Amino acid sequence: MNHPAQITPRACDWTVDGLQLAGLAWGPENGTPVLALHGWMDHAASFQELAPRLTGCHVVALDLSGQGQSAHRAAHATYNIWDDLPQIAGVLDQLGWQDCVLIGHSRGANIAALFAVAQPDRVRALVSLDSLIPEPAKDSAVSTLRNFVDQTRAEMTRPPRVFKSKADYVARRVQQGNARNVSEILAERALMQVPGGYQMRGDRRLFASSAVKLTRAQIEDVLTSLHCPVLNIWATGGIRSRRAQVSELAALGQNLIAVYETLDLPGDHHFHLDPTVAPDMATALLAFLQRHEKS
């Protein structure tokens, strides 16, 4: 039997709202529909350890716009986390899925939670990996808007980052705290070859501030409105271990979400790409889905 990471996924593509979107798929097309949303500046291949282990599931991992092999948005468009919601609905339409299980990692988990409350009939269960919902706004609305305008303009005029080799990109991610195997996996789909080396595919506007950030009251409203079962899996060495505010949100979720289960697994923020952790994660996820199987 092949190692899960060696199972070749099927390439996918869609056109939604005039944008070319790409993705990867694993498992039988008649299996339980699962849509997976990656984290910031990652892509669909971040699920290559977890997805093949989800027996009986048809897992489609999306390259969110501006990342991986999906197109960048128009010059006037933005990358607020709610901007992805209509595109996700469009992908579900093209897949022919009336509803699905949503898996989200990090920023993708935040997007998935917003989609689950915006389109509750389309999400039968939510699995959030090392996140749950965005942290509440710390700055004033005015300073956030100023940062959005200034940073977006700066990123649009900044030349693309080019690495002499894939190894240089991997070394940079390792220096930033990613494990080497994670960095090597992500490099393949994150880079494109250009004269002089390898350029990051990601839209640099993703480095800029959002135009608006949710307040604590708005976040509580989202959590209270999550009516599907939620499984929140945290990495013991992930973001919750570094940010007290994230721990507070996790506790808030336990109090406000109707059906909320939580689990801690070893590893860093990209623990779903760890071959020693992914089997336990898949087992827990499948058991969760079985407990809350749609009638």
Protein backbone atom coordinates (compact mmCIF):
# COMPACT_ATOMS: atom_id res chain seq x y z
CA MET A 1 0.00 0.00 0.00
CA ASN A 2 1.33 3.44 -0.91
CA HIS A 3 2.24 5.93 1.78
CA PRO A 4 -0.63 8.49 1.84
CA ALA A 5 1.68 11.35 0.83
CA GLN A 6 2.68 9.34 -2.26
CA ILE A 7 -0.93 8.92 -3.47
CA THR A 8 -1.27 11.16 -6.50
CA PRO A 9 -4.25 13.51 -6.13
CA ARG A 10 -6.45 14.52 -9.04
CA ALA A 11 -5.97 18.07 -10.30
CA CYS A 12 -9.11 20.22 -10.31
CA ASP A 13 -9.99 23.59 -11.80
CA TRP A 14 -13.01 25.84 -11.85
CA THR A 15 -13.95 29.30 -13.10
CA VAL A 16 -15.88 31.23 -10.45
CA ASP A 17 -16.73 34.93 -10.71
CA GLY A 18 -14.29 35.17 -13.61
CA LEU A 19 -11.43 33.76 -11.52
CA GLN A 20 -9.55 30.59 -12.40
CA LEU A 21 -9.37 28.47 -9.27
CA ALA A 22 -7.34 25.30 -8.83
CA GLY A 23 -7.35 22.45 -6.37
CA LEU A 24 -6.59 18.82 -5.64
CA ALA A 25 -8.91 15.88 -4.93
CA TRP A 26 -8.56 12.51 -3.21
CA GLY A 27 -10.92 9.60 -2.66
CA PRO A 28 -14.02 8.21 -4.39
CA GLU A 29 -16.27 10.74 -6.05
CA ASN A 30 -19.30 9.12 -4.42
CA GLY A 31 -17.75 9.45 -0.95
CA THR A 32 -18.66 11.88 1.80
CA PRO A 33 -18.08 15.35 0.33
CA VAL A 34 -15.32 17.21 2.14
CA LEU A 35 -14.02 20.65 1.15
CA ALA A 36 -10.64 21.59 2.66
CA LEU A 37 -9.42 25.19 3.01
CA HIS A 38 -5.73 25.86 3.64
CA GLY A 39 -3.98 28.48 5.76
CA TRP A 40 -2.39 31.80 4.87
CA MET A 41 0.08 31.59 1.96
CA ASP A 42 -0.32 27.80 1.84
CA HIS A 43 -2.28 25.81 -0.74
CA ALA A 44 -4.20 22.60 -1.44
CA ALA A 45 -1.16 20.32 -1.06
CA SER A 46 -1.06 21.14 2.65
CA PHE A 47 -3.70 18.40 3.00
CA GLN A 48 -1.68 15.69 1.23
CA GLU A 49 -1.00 13.77 4.45
CA LEU A 50 -4.50 14.04 5.93
CA ALA A 51 -6.81 13.80 2.91
CA PRO A 52 -5.80 10.31 1.65
CA ARG A 53 -6.37 8.93 5.15
CA LEU A 54 -10.01 10.03 5.25
CA THR A 55 -11.41 6.69 4.12
CA GLY A 56 -14.74 6.90 2.35
CA CYS A 57 -14.47 10.65 1.79
CA HIS A 58 -14.20 12.62 -1.44
CA VAL A 59 -11.82 15.35 -0.31
CA VAL A 60 -11.40 18.43 -2.48
CA ALA A 61 -8.75 20.89 -1.32
CA LEU A 62 -9.04 24.34 -2.84
CA ASP A 63 -6.25 26.78 -3.67
CA LEU A 64 -7.93 29.92 -2.37
CA SER A 65 -7.67 32.83 -4.79
CA GLY A 66 -4.28 34.52 -4.84
CA GLN A 67 -2.54 31.40 -3.51
CA GLY A 68 -1.21 28.16 -4.93
CA GLN A 69 -2.17 27.77 -8.58
CA SER A 70 -5.34 29.88 -8.36
CA ALA A 71 -5.48 33.26 -10.06
CA HIS A 72 -4.92 36.57 -8.33
CA ARG A 73 -7.87 38.86 -7.86
CA ALA A 74 -8.36 42.01 -9.93
CA ALA A 75 -6.37 45.11 -9.01
CA HIS A 76 -9.37 46.73 -7.30
CA ALA A 77 -10.33 43.63 -5.28
CA THR A 78 -9.43 42.77 -1.69
CA TYR A 79 -8.44 39.73 0.38
CA ASN A 80 -10.64 40.10 3.43
CA ILE A 81 -11.55 36.64 4.72
CA TRP A 82 -15.22 37.08 3.78
CA ASP A 83 -14.26 37.79 0.16
CA ASP A 84 -13.70 34.04 -0.31
CA LEU A 85 -17.23 33.04 0.70
CA PRO A 86 -19.02 33.55 -2.66
CA GLN A 87 -16.21 31.69 -4.44
CA ILE A 88 -16.53 28.75 -2.06
CA ALA A 89 -20.26 28.63 -2.78
CA GLY A 90 -19.47 28.70 -6.49
CA VAL A 91 -17.06 25.78 -6.19
CA LEU A 92 -19.67 23.75 -4.29
CA ASP A 93 -22.17 24.51 -7.06
CA GLN A 94 -19.75 23.30 -9.73
CA LEU A 95 -18.97 20.16 -7.73
CA GLY A 96 -22.69 19.48 -7.54
CA TRP A 97 -22.56 19.33 -3.74
CA GLN A 98 -25.69 20.41 -1.94
CA ASP A 99 -23.72 20.39 1.30
CA CYS A 100 -20.39 19.15 2.62
CA VAL A 101 -18.06 18.74 5.55
CA LEU A 102 -15.75 21.76 5.80
CA ILE A 103 -12.16 21.37 7.01
CA GLY A 104 -10.14 24.51 7.54
CA HIS A 105 -6.60 25.09 8.73
CA SER A 106 -5.56 28.39 10.33
CA ARG A 107 -6.87 31.23 8.13
CA GLY A 108 -8.85 28.59 6.25
CA ALA A 109 -10.53 27.58 9.53
CA ASN A 110 -11.58 31.20 10.08
CA ILE A 111 -13.00 31.38 6.56
CA ALA A 112 -14.77 28.03 7.04
CA ALA A 113 -16.48 29.25 10.23
CA LEU A 114 -17.78 32.35 8.44
CA PHE A 115 -19.05 30.23 5.55
CA ALA A 116 -20.78 27.84 7.96
CA VAL A 117 -22.85 30.68 9.45
CA ALA A 118 -23.41 32.48 6.15
CA GLN A 119 -24.58 29.27 4.38
CA PRO A 120 -25.69 26.95 7.21
CA ASP A 121 -27.62 24.59 4.95
CA ARG A 122 -24.45 23.83 2.98
CA VAL A 123 -22.24 22.73 5.90
CA ARG A 124 -23.06 19.47 7.65
CA ALA A 125 -20.00 19.61 9.95
CA LEU A 126 -16.99 21.86 10.56
CA VAL A 127 -13.47 20.70 11.41
CA SER A 128 -11.14 23.51 12.49
CA LEU A 129 -7.39 22.86 12.64
CA ASP A 130 -5.29 25.06 14.95
CA SER A 131 -7.73 27.94 14.78
CA LEU A 132 -11.45 28.57 15.11
CA ILE A 133 -12.35 32.17 14.36
CA PRO A 134 -10.32 35.36 13.80
CA GLU A 135 -8.95 37.11 16.85
CA PRO A 136 -11.01 40.21 17.71
CA ALA A 137 -9.83 43.57 16.48
CA LYS A 138 -7.14 45.16 18.64
CA ASP A 139 -6.83 48.46 16.78
CA SER A 140 -9.46 51.11 16.11
CA ALA A 141 -11.50 50.90 12.92
CA VAL A 142 -9.78 54.05 11.65
CA SER A 143 -6.23 52.76 12.11
CA THR A 144 -7.22 49.44 10.53
CA LEU A 145 -8.53 51.24 7.45
CA ARG A 146 -5.38 53.35 7.24
CA ASN A 147 -3.21 50.23 7.45
CA PHE A 148 -5.32 48.55 4.78
CA VAL A 149 -4.87 51.39 2.28
CA ASP A 150 -1.19 52.03 3.01
CA GLN A 151 -0.13 48.38 3.12
CA THR A 152 -2.17 47.33 0.08
CA ARG A 153 -0.65 50.10 -2.04
CA ALA A 154 2.84 49.24 -0.81
CA GLU A 155 2.45 45.52 -1.55
CA MET A 156 1.08 46.18 -5.06
CA THR A 157 4.18 48.16 -5.98
CA ARG A 158 6.73 45.90 -4.31
CA PRO A 159 8.64 43.66 -6.74
CA PRO A 160 7.91 39.93 -6.40
CA ARG A 161 10.19 37.92 -4.14
CA VAL A 162 12.49 35.67 -6.15
CA PHE A 163 14.58 32.87 -4.62
CA LYS A 164 17.63 31.53 -6.40
CA SER A 165 16.53 27.97 -5.66
CA LYS A 166 13.74 26.02 -4.00
CA ALA A 167 16.23 25.23 -1.26
CA ASP A 168 16.48 28.96 -0.47
CA TYR A 169 12.70 29.17 -0.10
CA VAL A 170 12.70 26.10 2.14
CA ALA A 171 15.49 27.58 4.28
CA ARG A 172 13.50 30.80 4.70
CA ARG A 173 10.39 28.95 5.88
CA VAL A 174 12.47 26.86 8.27
CA GLN A 175 13.98 30.06 9.65
CA GLN A 176 10.44 31.34 10.21
CA GLY A 177 9.59 28.28 12.28
CA ASN A 178 8.20 25.70 9.83
CA ALA A 179 9.49 22.13 9.92
CA ARG A 180 11.76 21.23 7.01
CA ASN A 181 9.46 18.51 5.62
CA VAL A 182 6.52 20.95 5.73
CA SER A 183 8.56 23.63 3.97
CA GLU A 184 9.64 21.20 1.25
CA ILE A 185 6.07 20.02 0.64
CA LEU A 186 4.71 23.56 0.44
CA ALA A 187 7.52 24.76 -1.84
CA GLU A 188 6.37 22.72 -4.84
CA ARG A 189 3.01 24.45 -5.28
CA ALA A 190 3.96 27.81 -3.75
CA LEU A 191 6.66 28.62 -6.33
CA MET A 192 6.88 29.09 -10.06
CA GLN A 193 10.08 29.13 -12.08
CA VAL A 194 11.10 32.49 -13.55
CA PRO A 195 14.32 33.84 -15.04
CA GLY A 196 16.82 33.95 -12.22
CA GLY A 197 15.12 31.49 -9.89
CA TYR A 198 11.75 30.79 -8.30
CA GLN A 199 9.04 33.34 -7.56
CA MET A 200 6.31 33.01 -4.95
CA ARG A 201 2.91 32.51 -6.60
CA GLY A 202 0.99 34.14 -3.74
CA ASP A 203 -0.52 37.58 -4.24
CA ARG A 204 1.49 40.02 -2.14
CA ARG A 205 -1.71 41.84 -1.13
CA LEU A 206 -2.28 38.93 1.26
CA PHE A 207 0.49 40.46 3.39
CA ALA A 208 -1.55 43.65 3.86
CA SER A 209 -4.00 44.39 6.64
CA SER A 210 -7.68 43.63 6.15
CA ALA A 211 -9.93 46.63 5.63
CA VAL A 212 -12.14 45.69 8.58
CA LYS A 213 -11.65 43.25 11.45
CA LEU A 214 -14.37 41.60 13.51
CA THR A 215 -15.09 42.87 17.01
CA ARG A 216 -15.49 40.55 19.99
CA ALA A 217 -19.29 40.99 19.85
CA GLN A 218 -19.31 39.98 16.17
CA ILE A 219 -17.13 36.95 16.89
CA GLU A 220 -19.48 35.86 19.66
CA ASP A 221 -22.37 36.22 17.21
CA VAL A 222 -20.58 33.95 14.73
CA LEU A 223 -19.84 31.31 17.37
CA THR A 224 -23.42 31.35 18.65
CA SER A 225 -24.65 30.94 15.07
CA LEU A 226 -22.58 27.79 14.40
CA HIS A 227 -25.36 25.19 14.43
CA CYS A 228 -23.44 22.37 12.73
CA PRO A 229 -21.24 20.04 14.83
CA VAL A 230 -17.74 21.48 15.30
CA LEU A 231 -14.52 19.54 15.91
CA ASN A 232 -11.70 21.86 16.94
CA ILE A 233 -8.26 20.17 16.80
CA TRP A 234 -5.35 22.10 18.29
CA ALA A 235 -1.60 21.58 17.93
CA THR A 236 0.14 21.48 21.31
CA GLY A 237 2.95 23.57 19.79
CA GLY A 238 0.66 25.65 17.57
CA ILE A 239 -0.75 29.16 17.73
CA ARG A 240 -2.75 28.59 20.91
CA SER A 241 0.50 27.94 22.78
CA ARG A 242 1.82 31.34 21.66
CA ARG A 243 -1.25 33.57 21.83
CA ALA A 244 -3.36 33.84 24.97
CA GLN A 245 -6.19 35.44 23.01
CA VAL A 246 -6.56 32.30 20.88
CA SER A 247 -6.95 30.20 24.02
CA GLU A 248 -9.69 32.58 25.14
CA LEU A 249 -11.50 32.10 21.83
CA ALA A 250 -11.28 28.34 22.18
CA ALA A 251 -12.85 28.57 25.63
CA LEU A 252 -15.49 30.90 24.22
CA GLY A 253 -16.28 28.36 21.51
CA GLN A 254 -16.83 25.68 24.12
CA ASN A 255 -19.40 27.92 25.83
CA LEU A 256 -21.19 29.30 22.77
CA ILE A 257 -21.19 26.55 20.12
CA ALA A 258 -24.06 24.09 20.49
CA VAL A 259 -22.12 20.95 19.49
CA TYR A 260 -18.41 21.51 20.11
CA GLU A 261 -15.72 18.86 20.53
CA THR A 262 -12.06 19.65 21.04
CA LEU A 263 -8.87 17.64 20.83
CA ASP A 264 -5.18 18.38 21.33
CA LEU A 265 -2.60 16.60 19.16
CA PRO A 266 1.20 16.96 19.25
CA GLY A 267 3.02 19.07 16.72
CA ASP A 268 3.44 22.59 15.41
CA HIS A 269 1.03 24.77 13.46
CA HIS A 270 1.26 22.51 10.38
CA PHE A 271 0.65 19.32 12.36
CA HIS A 272 -1.77 18.03 9.69
CA LEU A 273 1.29 17.64 7.42
CA ASP A 274 3.17 15.56 9.98
CA PRO A 275 3.03 11.86 8.95
CA THR A 276 3.25 10.85 12.61
CA VAL A 277 0.24 13.00 13.58
CA ALA A 278 -1.99 12.76 10.49
CA PRO A 279 -3.12 9.14 11.18
CA ASP A 280 -4.47 10.07 14.64
CA MET A 281 -6.05 13.21 13.23
CA ALA A 282 -7.79 11.22 10.50
CA THR A 283 -9.05 8.65 13.01
CA ALA A 284 -10.48 11.36 15.26
CA LEU A 285 -12.04 13.18 12.33
CA LEU A 286 -13.72 10.07 10.91
CA ALA A 287 -15.03 9.08 14.35
CA PHE A 288 -16.43 12.60 14.77
CA LEU A 289 -18.22 12.39 11.43
CA GLN A 290 -19.62 8.98 12.31
CA ARG A 291 -20.97 10.30 15.62
CA HIS A 292 -22.71 13.14 13.86
CA GLU A 293 -23.63 11.43 10.61
CA LYS A 294 -26.30 13.29 8.70
CA SER A 295 -29.62 11.52 9.02
